[in-house]
Amino acid sequence: MSYQLTNLSGAVEAVIDDNCGISKFNNIINMLLHELRVKFLNKVDDSDTVDWHFKYKGHPLTLHYNIYNGVSVFAQNRKNNRAVDEIAKYLERKVF
């Protein structure tokens, strides 16, 4: 079950799975690529965190993975919150 966090600017982060391993994260990437046909623009890979920046219906979003916090999707600003909600609901149906 996903849940949402809101930052101070009003942008939403939807936590998809707070206990997600890297293989499940890779499955989520494949779902976004092949089923929702998102376009990944950039990848930032750190020792315990991976961020994939992508566009969904023209909205810039980030798929975030952290070994301690799991996987989430977030927007850079609140005008993209609806897109975050759509992605979260889709992934919730597919992942759980």
N, C-alpha and C. Protein backbone atom coordinates (compact mmCIF):
# COMPACT_ATOMS: atom_id res chain seq x y z
N MET A 1 0.84 -1.18 0.00
CA MET A 1 0.00 0.00 0.00
C MET A 1 0.88 1.24 0.00
N SER A 2 0.67 2.13 -0.94
CA SER A 2 1.47 3.35 -1.00
C SER A 2 0.87 4.41 -0.07
N TYR A 3 1.71 5.36 0.28
CA TYR A 3 1.24 6.51 1.05
C TYR A 3 1.99 7.72 0.55
N GLN A 4 1.44 8.90 0.84
CA GLN A 4 2.02 10.12 0.30
C GLN A 4 2.56 11.03 1.38
N LEU A 5 3.66 11.70 1.03
CA LEU A 5 4.27 12.72 1.86
C LEU A 5 4.22 14.03 1.07
N THR A 6 4.11 15.14 1.74
CA THR A 6 4.10 16.43 1.08
C THR A 6 5.22 17.30 1.64
N ASN A 7 6.03 17.88 0.75
CA ASN A 7 7.11 18.74 1.23
C ASN A 7 6.59 20.16 1.47
N LEU A 8 7.44 21.04 1.91
CA LEU A 8 7.03 22.40 2.27
C LEU A 8 6.47 23.20 1.10
N SER A 9 6.91 22.90 -0.12
CA SER A 9 6.40 23.62 -1.29
C SER A 9 5.08 23.06 -1.80
N GLY A 10 4.60 21.97 -1.20
CA GLY A 10 3.34 21.36 -1.61
C GLY A 10 3.48 20.22 -2.60
N ALA A 11 4.71 19.92 -3.01
CA ALA A 11 4.93 18.80 -3.93
C ALA A 11 4.77 17.48 -3.18
N VAL A 12 4.25 16.50 -3.88
CA VAL A 12 3.94 15.20 -3.29
C VAL A 12 5.02 14.18 -3.62
N GLU A 13 5.32 13.33 -2.64
CA GLU A 13 6.14 12.13 -2.85
C GLU A 13 5.28 10.95 -2.45
N ALA A 14 5.08 10.02 -3.39
CA ALA A 14 4.30 8.82 -3.13
C ALA A 14 5.25 7.67 -2.86
N VAL A 15 5.21 7.14 -1.66
CA VAL A 15 6.04 5.99 -1.30
C VAL A 15 5.33 4.74 -1.79
N ILE A 16 5.95 4.06 -2.73
CA ILE A 16 5.34 2.87 -3.34
C ILE A 16 5.55 1.65 -2.48
N ASP A 17 6.77 1.47 -1.99
CA ASP A 17 7.10 0.32 -1.16
C ASP A 17 8.26 0.71 -0.26
N ASP A 18 8.04 0.76 1.04
CA ASP A 18 9.10 1.20 1.93
C ASP A 18 10.03 0.07 2.36
N ASN A 19 9.82 -1.11 1.79
CA ASN A 19 10.70 -2.25 2.06
C ASN A 19 11.00 -2.94 0.72
N CYS A 20 11.56 -2.19 -0.19
CA CYS A 20 11.76 -2.66 -1.56
C CYS A 20 13.22 -2.98 -1.81
N GLY A 21 13.47 -4.12 -2.43
CA GLY A 21 14.83 -4.49 -2.83
C GLY A 21 15.12 -3.99 -4.24
N ILE A 22 16.37 -4.09 -4.64
CA ILE A 22 16.80 -3.57 -5.95
C ILE A 22 16.14 -4.34 -7.09
N SER A 23 15.88 -5.62 -6.96
CA SER A 23 15.24 -6.37 -8.05
C SER A 23 13.79 -5.91 -8.26
N LYS A 24 13.09 -5.64 -7.18
CA LYS A 24 11.72 -5.12 -7.30
C LYS A 24 11.75 -3.72 -7.91
N PHE A 25 12.73 -2.93 -7.52
CA PHE A 25 12.90 -1.60 -8.10
C PHE A 25 13.12 -1.70 -9.61
N ASN A 26 13.95 -2.64 -10.03
CA ASN A 26 14.18 -2.84 -11.47
C ASN A 26 12.91 -3.28 -12.19
N ASN A 27 12.08 -4.09 -11.54
CA ASN A 27 10.79 -4.47 -12.12
C ASN A 27 9.89 -3.25 -12.30
N ILE A 28 9.92 -2.34 -11.34
CA ILE A 28 9.13 -1.11 -11.44
C ILE A 28 9.62 -0.27 -12.61
N ILE A 29 10.93 -0.18 -12.79
CA ILE A 29 11.49 0.55 -13.93
C ILE A 29 10.98 -0.05 -15.23
N ASN A 30 11.00 -1.38 -15.33
CA ASN A 30 10.52 -2.04 -16.55
C ASN A 30 9.04 -1.80 -16.79
N MET A 31 8.24 -1.79 -15.74
CA MET A 31 6.81 -1.49 -15.89
C MET A 31 6.61 -0.08 -16.44
N LEU A 32 7.34 0.87 -15.89
CA LEU A 32 7.21 2.25 -16.36
C LEU A 32 7.65 2.36 -17.81
N LEU A 33 8.74 1.71 -18.16
CA LEU A 33 9.25 1.76 -19.53
C LEU A 33 8.30 1.12 -20.53
N HIS A 34 7.89 -0.11 -20.26
CA HIS A 34 7.16 -0.90 -21.24
C HIS A 34 5.65 -0.75 -21.17
N GLU A 35 5.11 -0.54 -20.00
CA GLU A 35 3.65 -0.45 -19.88
C GLU A 35 3.15 0.98 -19.94
N LEU A 36 3.84 1.91 -19.30
CA LEU A 36 3.40 3.31 -19.32
C LEU A 36 4.18 4.14 -20.34
N ARG A 37 5.19 3.53 -20.93
CA ARG A 37 5.99 4.16 -21.98
C ARG A 37 6.57 5.52 -21.57
N VAL A 38 7.08 5.57 -20.34
CA VAL A 38 7.72 6.81 -19.89
C VAL A 38 9.09 6.92 -20.55
N LYS A 39 9.59 8.12 -20.59
CA LYS A 39 10.91 8.36 -21.15
C LYS A 39 11.84 8.77 -20.01
N PHE A 40 12.81 7.90 -19.73
CA PHE A 40 13.80 8.21 -18.70
C PHE A 40 14.82 9.17 -19.29
N LEU A 41 15.11 10.22 -18.54
CA LEU A 41 15.97 11.28 -19.03
C LEU A 41 17.38 11.24 -18.44
N ASN A 42 17.47 10.82 -17.19
CA ASN A 42 18.74 10.88 -16.48
C ASN A 42 18.71 9.93 -15.30
N LYS A 43 19.87 9.42 -14.96
CA LYS A 43 19.99 8.53 -13.80
C LYS A 43 21.11 9.06 -12.91
N VAL A 44 20.82 9.17 -11.62
CA VAL A 44 21.82 9.56 -10.64
C VAL A 44 21.97 8.38 -9.68
N ASP A 45 23.17 7.82 -9.63
CA ASP A 45 23.42 6.61 -8.85
C ASP A 45 24.44 6.92 -7.77
N ASP A 46 24.04 6.72 -6.53
CA ASP A 46 24.92 6.93 -5.38
C ASP A 46 25.12 5.58 -4.70
N SER A 47 25.86 5.52 -3.65
CA SER A 47 26.14 4.24 -3.00
C SER A 47 24.90 3.56 -2.43
N ASP A 48 23.94 4.33 -1.93
CA ASP A 48 22.73 3.72 -1.36
C ASP A 48 21.44 4.29 -1.94
N THR A 49 21.55 5.11 -2.97
CA THR A 49 20.38 5.76 -3.57
C THR A 49 20.51 5.79 -5.09
N VAL A 50 19.38 5.58 -5.77
CA VAL A 50 19.32 5.72 -7.22
C VAL A 50 18.10 6.59 -7.54
N ASP A 51 18.28 7.60 -8.37
CA ASP A 51 17.20 8.44 -8.85
C ASP A 51 17.14 8.36 -10.37
N TRP A 52 15.96 8.03 -10.89
CA TRP A 52 15.71 8.04 -12.32
C TRP A 52 14.76 9.19 -12.59
N HIS A 53 15.21 10.18 -13.35
CA HIS A 53 14.35 11.30 -13.73
C HIS A 53 13.66 10.92 -15.04
N PHE A 54 12.36 11.20 -15.12
CA PHE A 54 11.61 10.82 -16.30
C PHE A 54 10.45 11.78 -16.52
N LYS A 55 9.85 11.66 -17.70
CA LYS A 55 8.65 12.43 -18.00
C LYS A 55 7.49 11.46 -18.16
N TYR A 56 6.37 11.86 -17.57
CA TYR A 56 5.12 11.11 -17.69
C TYR A 56 4.05 12.11 -18.09
N LYS A 57 3.50 11.93 -19.30
CA LYS A 57 2.51 12.84 -19.85
C LYS A 57 3.00 14.30 -19.78
N GLY A 58 4.29 14.46 -20.06
CA GLY A 58 4.88 15.79 -20.08
C GLY A 58 5.29 16.34 -18.73
N HIS A 59 5.03 15.60 -17.66
CA HIS A 59 5.36 16.06 -16.31
C HIS A 59 6.70 15.47 -15.86
N PRO A 60 7.65 16.31 -15.45
CA PRO A 60 8.92 15.79 -14.95
C PRO A 60 8.77 15.22 -13.54
N LEU A 61 9.15 13.96 -13.40
CA LEU A 61 9.04 13.25 -12.12
C LEU A 61 10.35 12.51 -11.85
N THR A 62 10.47 12.00 -10.63
CA THR A 62 11.64 11.22 -10.26
C THR A 62 11.20 9.93 -9.58
N LEU A 63 11.77 8.82 -10.05
CA LEU A 63 11.61 7.53 -9.38
C LEU A 63 12.83 7.39 -8.48
N HIS A 64 12.60 7.26 -7.20
CA HIS A 64 13.67 7.28 -6.20
C HIS A 64 13.75 5.93 -5.50
N TYR A 65 14.97 5.41 -5.37
CA TYR A 65 15.20 4.18 -4.62
C TYR A 65 16.29 4.43 -3.59
N ASN A 66 16.03 3.99 -2.37
CA ASN A 66 17.01 4.08 -1.30
C ASN A 66 16.98 2.75 -0.55
N ILE A 67 18.16 2.20 -0.25
CA ILE A 67 18.19 0.88 0.40
C ILE A 67 17.54 0.89 1.78
N TYR A 68 17.43 2.05 2.39
CA TYR A 68 16.83 2.15 3.73
C TYR A 68 15.34 2.53 3.69
N ASN A 69 14.95 3.31 2.67
CA ASN A 69 13.58 3.85 2.63
C ASN A 69 12.70 3.27 1.55
N GLY A 70 13.25 2.44 0.66
CA GLY A 70 12.43 1.82 -0.37
C GLY A 70 12.34 2.66 -1.63
N VAL A 71 11.20 2.55 -2.32
CA VAL A 71 11.00 3.21 -3.61
C VAL A 71 9.83 4.19 -3.53
N SER A 72 10.02 5.33 -4.19
CA SER A 72 8.97 6.35 -4.22
C SER A 72 9.04 7.10 -5.55
N VAL A 73 7.98 7.84 -5.82
CA VAL A 73 7.91 8.71 -6.99
C VAL A 73 7.60 10.10 -6.46
N PHE A 74 8.32 11.10 -6.97
CA PHE A 74 8.01 12.45 -6.51
C PHE A 74 8.11 13.47 -7.64
N ALA A 75 7.44 14.59 -7.39
CA ALA A 75 7.42 15.72 -8.32
C ALA A 75 8.33 16.81 -7.79
N GLN A 76 8.82 17.62 -8.68
CA GLN A 76 9.65 18.75 -8.27
C GLN A 76 8.80 19.92 -7.76
N ASN A 77 7.55 19.98 -8.21
CA ASN A 77 6.65 21.04 -7.73
C ASN A 77 5.22 20.52 -7.71
N ARG A 78 4.35 21.25 -7.05
CA ARG A 78 3.00 20.74 -6.81
C ARG A 78 2.12 20.70 -8.05
N LYS A 79 2.49 21.38 -9.12
CA LYS A 79 1.66 21.30 -10.33
C LYS A 79 1.72 19.93 -10.98
N ASN A 80 2.67 19.10 -10.57
CA ASN A 80 2.79 17.74 -11.10
C ASN A 80 2.27 16.67 -10.14
N ASN A 81 1.58 17.08 -9.08
CA ASN A 81 1.09 16.13 -8.08
C ASN A 81 0.11 15.11 -8.66
N ARG A 82 -0.70 15.52 -9.59
CA ARG A 82 -1.68 14.60 -10.19
C ARG A 82 -0.97 13.46 -10.93
N ALA A 83 0.12 13.79 -11.61
CA ALA A 83 0.89 12.76 -12.31
C ALA A 83 1.52 11.78 -11.32
N VAL A 84 2.01 12.28 -10.20
CA VAL A 84 2.56 11.41 -9.15
C VAL A 84 1.47 10.47 -8.65
N ASP A 85 0.29 11.00 -8.43
CA ASP A 85 -0.84 10.18 -7.96
C ASP A 85 -1.20 9.09 -8.97
N GLU A 86 -1.23 9.43 -10.25
CA GLU A 86 -1.54 8.43 -11.29
C GLU A 86 -0.51 7.30 -11.30
N ILE A 87 0.77 7.66 -11.27
CA ILE A 87 1.83 6.65 -11.27
C ILE A 87 1.73 5.78 -10.02
N ALA A 88 1.51 6.39 -8.87
CA ALA A 88 1.43 5.64 -7.61
C ALA A 88 0.28 4.66 -7.63
N LYS A 89 -0.88 5.08 -8.10
CA LYS A 89 -2.05 4.18 -8.16
C LYS A 89 -1.80 3.03 -9.13
N TYR A 90 -1.19 3.33 -10.26
CA TYR A 90 -0.88 2.29 -11.23
C TYR A 90 0.08 1.26 -10.63
N LEU A 91 1.16 1.75 -10.05
CA LEU A 91 2.16 0.84 -9.48
C LEU A 91 1.61 0.07 -8.29
N GLU A 92 0.76 0.69 -7.51
CA GLU A 92 0.16 -0.01 -6.38
C GLU A 92 -0.65 -1.21 -6.84
N ARG A 93 -1.38 -1.05 -7.93
CA ARG A 93 -2.17 -2.18 -8.48
C ARG A 93 -1.25 -3.28 -9.01
N LYS A 94 -0.12 -2.90 -9.59
CA LYS A 94 0.77 -3.87 -10.21
C LYS A 94 1.72 -4.53 -9.21
N VAL A 95 2.21 -3.78 -8.23
CA VAL A 95 3.24 -4.27 -7.32
C VAL A 95 2.67 -5.08 -6.18
N PHE A 96 1.48 -4.71 -5.71
CA PHE A 96 0.93 -5.41 -4.54
C PHE A 96 -0.11 -6.42 -4.91
